[in-house]
């Protein structure tokens, strides 16, 4: 899916660029009374220019049994306490400077008298090309008339417009007309979303972030400590193909250790492992066939009674994980040694058929990790007829989970799985694109756990590398 080019930005006034509170002092009116009056039919008519201020106020006083002097004082206090969203205004100025062709419009439910009071202030912001008020159009959001009015007067096409509003009803109505809707839930998130929609090259931004962080793309524990490991570095390399981005620490053996430096964590020394070894052997292009053979022999000497590979290449640590079984099986299949792990094939098929993988594993909480490793297997062995049953199951399960939630890391895994298998995953692509941060990277997510220890490993580097790769592959296919 190629990125869409948006040419216009539509911003609401109240609740987005300017905020007022119904909390008033020195009057008998409660905030609830004020809000009810401002959302009443007669006030709506006032905003549409259908009744005068005097007519509106008189009807409000009669309908809500409120003192007219108190009502007028409340409105004056609210106007006086108006808070301008300077951060968003500044961000819009920068967006206009970065995108000279971008046109910015105001579209607000506001009466003519109130608009005249605020007009000079609005003009001083120097962000709007045009401003449309409900009092001018005779319609107010969320009614269809004001959207039609805007499109007719501006000459814009809805599909090319980004529509920002703090009211869900207004956003839903905009979506019905074909606008790209954004519900305002905070300045920081809206600015990020606008950047992502207008900055079309997410891949270039993501790669620029990774290059800016060379030497610092390590994991962090959920308790906030830096954590250096080979596994995260190999994942970044796998998804970018750029060796200059990563730091690897290989001890010169045929097998690999998860840790960079001394392999000690929480007071425990850790041996080499089949997971890191299998990943390294699968993606590094400078590994000799002899080292691969020795690595496979080491793995085969550490199998469970069921014929499944243990994580640790140490007889004193018998840990089985179905995600690691998938990783090891990928390594063996890619090197023509599938027959050496006969029990693993049936185990993986059973895991998919029963959907037991949805429960997660000892080390990998996300069920999408398991599917990703298997999808990567079939991108490496696309024509192996002996794997047909497993391939069909993987495709079915990946299709089932497409777009199933809004967890960014899980969406990255699902997006990559879909691309590796030639499947569609539009909702996951949208989720990943929406989550890109202003600096070009993606948010830090917990990507695996430490077995018995109540600690997880978080990374921006791994998430960003996989997001970039998934987006790149999706756009190359479109």
Foldseek 3Di string as FASTA:
>chain_A
DAADAAAEEEEEPEPTFKYFALPDPPAPDDSVLLVPLCPDPLVLQQLQQNDDPVVSLVVSCVVSVGDSVRNVRSVVRRVVPMDGPVVLLVLLVVVCVVPVSHAYEYEYSGGPVVCVVCVVVVVVSVRHPYYHTSNVQSHHPPDPSSVVVCCVVVVDQQLNYEYEDQDPRNQVSSVVSNHNYDHDPDSQLVSFLVCLNNVRQLLVLLVVLLVVCAVNQFWAKPVGHTFAFQQLQLLLCQLPVDNSSGDHAAPPALFGAGGHDQQDDPRDGAATFLQSNLSCLVRDPPRDPVSLVVSVVLQQVAADPLQAGAGGSDNVRRHDWLLSSLSNCLSCVLVVNNVSRVSNLVVLLVCLVVVVLPCPTLKFRHSLSSLLSNLVSCLSVVPPPVNVSVLVSSVVVLVVCQLVDLDLQSLLSSLNSCLSNVHDRVNSLVSNSSQQHPSSWGDWDFGIDDRPDPMTIIGRSSSSSSNSSSNVSVVVVD
